[in-house]
Amino acid sequence: MKNLNITFISYDIDSVTKKLKVKKKEINKLFLKATDLNKTEDIKTLIEEGADVNVVDENGKTALYWASLLGYSEIVKILKEAGAK
């Protein structure tokens, strides 16, 4: 049986985890911006890529809140179907 370098594996997992967190944060930022700009297809793609449909912006508001307020009915429908609250 081979000896494993657990330190290296642990570091590698931590590195990947950090990269995934950064990616998730960037996806969520793009998701909120796409909602603001009424970019329906972009929103669908970002949801498929793992955007959090209940993420809040710097004002504590969700994409569903903004889409409703701005009258983006197609986006509201997409968000609700994706589980937004």
C-alpha atoms as a PDB file:
ATOM      1  CA  MET A   1       0.000   0.000   0.000  1.00  0.00           C
ATOM      2  CA  LYS A   2       1.323   3.435  -0.921  1.00  0.00           C
ATOM      3  CA  ASN A   3       1.788   6.145   1.651  1.00  0.00           C
ATOM      4  CA  LEU A   4      -0.285   9.213   0.892  1.00  0.00           C
ATOM      5  CA  ASN A   5       0.840  12.738   1.505  1.00  0.00           C
ATOM      6  CA  ILE A   6      -2.199  13.804   3.527  1.00  0.00           C
ATOM      7  CA  THR A   7      -0.898  17.365   3.894  1.00  0.00           C
ATOM      8  CA  PHE A   8      -0.778  17.758   0.125  1.00  0.00           C
ATOM      9  CA  ILE A   9      -4.247  16.274  -0.312  1.00  0.00           C
ATOM     10  CA  SER A  10      -5.632  18.522   2.398  1.00  0.00           C
ATOM     11  CA  TYR A  11      -4.019  21.583   0.806  1.00  0.00           C
ATOM     12  CA  ASP A  12      -5.345  20.599  -2.609  1.00  0.00           C
ATOM     13  CA  ILE A  13      -8.885  20.182  -1.257  1.00  0.00           C
ATOM     14  CA  ASP A  14      -8.660  23.547   0.518  1.00  0.00           C
ATOM     15  CA  SER A  15      -7.429  25.195  -2.668  1.00  0.00           C
ATOM     16  CA  VAL A  16     -10.262  23.724  -4.725  1.00  0.00           C
ATOM     17  CA  THR A  17     -12.803  24.679  -2.054  1.00  0.00           C
ATOM     18  CA  LYS A  18     -11.574  28.284  -2.063  1.00  0.00           C
ATOM     19  CA  LYS A  19     -11.753  28.433  -5.850  1.00  0.00           C
ATOM     20  CA  LEU A  20     -15.297  27.056  -5.814  1.00  0.00           C
ATOM     21  CA  LYS A  21     -16.359  29.636  -3.223  1.00  0.00           C
ATOM     22  CA  VAL A  22     -14.920  32.438  -5.372  1.00  0.00           C
ATOM     23  CA  LYS A  23     -16.656  31.032  -8.457  1.00  0.00           C
ATOM     24  CA  LYS A  24     -19.968  30.791  -6.567  1.00  0.00           C
ATOM     25  CA  LYS A  25     -19.628  34.376  -5.363  1.00  0.00           C
ATOM     26  CA  GLU A  26     -18.925  35.607  -8.899  1.00  0.00           C
ATOM     27  CA  ILE A  27     -21.847  33.605 -10.319  1.00  0.00           C
ATOM     28  CA  ASN A  28     -24.148  35.136  -7.722  1.00  0.00           C
ATOM     29  CA  LYS A  29     -22.935  38.664  -8.529  1.00  0.00           C
ATOM     30  CA  LEU A  30     -23.544  38.051 -12.240  1.00  0.00           C
ATOM     31  CA  PHE A  31     -26.948  36.568 -11.414  1.00  0.00           C
ATOM     32  CA  LEU A  32     -28.046  39.706  -9.561  1.00  0.00           C
ATOM     33  CA  LYS A  33     -26.741  41.922 -12.369  1.00  0.00           C
ATOM     34  CA  ALA A  34     -28.508  39.829 -15.015  1.00  0.00           C
ATOM     35  CA  THR A  35     -31.751  40.248 -13.073  1.00  0.00           C
ATOM     36  CA  ASP A  36     -31.251  44.009 -12.923  1.00  0.00           C
ATOM     37  CA  LEU A  37     -30.695  44.087 -16.695  1.00  0.00           C
ATOM     38  CA  ASN A  38     -33.637  41.751 -17.497  1.00  0.00           C
ATOM     39  CA  LYS A  39     -31.352  39.166 -19.141  1.00  0.00           C
ATOM     40  CA  THR A  40     -33.629  36.124 -19.149  1.00  0.00           C
ATOM     41  CA  GLU A  41     -31.315  33.713 -20.962  1.00  0.00           C
ATOM     42  CA  ASP A  42     -28.345  34.736 -18.833  1.00  0.00           C
ATOM     43  CA  ILE A  43     -30.384  34.094 -15.686  1.00  0.00           C
ATOM     44  CA  LYS A  44     -31.328  30.609 -16.905  1.00  0.00           C
ATOM     45  CA  THR A  45     -27.679  29.839 -17.633  1.00  0.00           C
ATOM     46  CA  LEU A  46     -26.485  31.166 -14.281  1.00  0.00           C
ATOM     47  CA  ILE A  47     -29.090  29.092 -12.442  1.00  0.00           C
ATOM     48  CA  GLU A  48     -27.832  26.030 -14.319  1.00  0.00           C
ATOM     49  CA  GLU A  49     -24.281  26.989 -13.271  1.00  0.00           C
ATOM     50  CA  GLY A  50     -25.311  27.036  -9.617  1.00  0.00           C
ATOM     51  CA  ALA A  51     -26.393  30.589  -8.850  1.00  0.00           C
ATOM     52  CA  ASP A  52     -28.193  30.882  -5.520  1.00  0.00           C
ATOM     53  CA  VAL A  53     -31.693  32.074  -6.492  1.00  0.00           C
ATOM     54  CA  ASN A  54     -32.134  33.452  -2.965  1.00  0.00           C
ATOM     55  CA  VAL A  55     -28.868  35.370  -2.766  1.00  0.00           C
ATOM     56  CA  VAL A  56     -29.249  38.921  -1.451  1.00  0.00           C
ATOM     57  CA  ASP A  57     -27.590  42.064  -2.720  1.00  0.00           C
ATOM     58  CA  GLU A  58     -25.889  44.754  -0.631  1.00  0.00           C
ATOM     59  CA  ASN A  59     -29.368  46.077   0.275  1.00  0.00           C
ATOM     60  CA  GLY A  60     -30.575  42.706   1.522  1.00  0.00           C
ATOM     61  CA  LYS A  61     -32.900  42.259  -1.471  1.00  0.00           C
ATOM     62  CA  THR A  62     -33.228  39.158  -3.635  1.00  0.00           C
ATOM     63  CA  ALA A  63     -33.420  38.862  -7.405  1.00  0.00           C
ATOM     64  CA  LEU A  64     -37.081  37.921  -7.015  1.00  0.00           C
ATOM     65  CA  TYR A  65     -37.731  41.152  -5.128  1.00  0.00           C
ATOM     66  CA  TRP A  66     -36.105  43.258  -7.843  1.00  0.00           C
ATOM     67  CA  ALA A  67     -37.684  41.363 -10.747  1.00  0.00           C
ATOM     68  CA  SER A  68     -41.112  41.816  -9.148  1.00  0.00           C
ATOM     69  CA  LEU A  69     -40.524  45.492  -8.457  1.00  0.00           C
ATOM     70  CA  LEU A  70     -39.263  46.142 -11.980  1.00  0.00           C
ATOM     71  CA  GLY A  71     -42.090  44.205 -13.625  1.00  0.00           C
ATOM     72  CA  TYR A  72     -39.910  41.483 -15.162  1.00  0.00           C
ATOM     73  CA  SER A  73     -42.671  38.860 -15.206  1.00  0.00           C
ATOM     74  CA  GLU A  74     -40.700  36.265 -17.205  1.00  0.00           C
ATOM     75  CA  ILE A  75     -37.827  36.459 -14.754  1.00  0.00           C
ATOM     76  CA  VAL A  76     -40.218  36.231 -11.800  1.00  0.00           C
ATOM     77  CA  LYS A  77     -41.618  33.035 -13.320  1.00  0.00           C
ATOM     78  CA  ILE A  78     -38.134  31.574 -13.882  1.00  0.00           C
ATOM     79  CA  LEU A  79     -37.029  32.445 -10.361  1.00  0.00           C
ATOM     80  CA  LYS A  80     -40.115  30.960  -8.735  1.00  0.00           C
ATOM     81  CA  GLU A  81     -39.745  27.773 -10.774  1.00  0.00           C
ATOM     82  CA  ALA A  82     -36.137  27.586  -9.540  1.00  0.00           C
ATOM     83  CA  GLY A  83     -37.274  27.861  -5.911  1.00  0.00           C
ATOM     84  CA  ALA A  84     -36.773  31.557  -5.208  1.00  0.00           C
ATOM     85  CA  LYS A  85     -38.601  32.912  -2.181  1.00  0.00           C
END
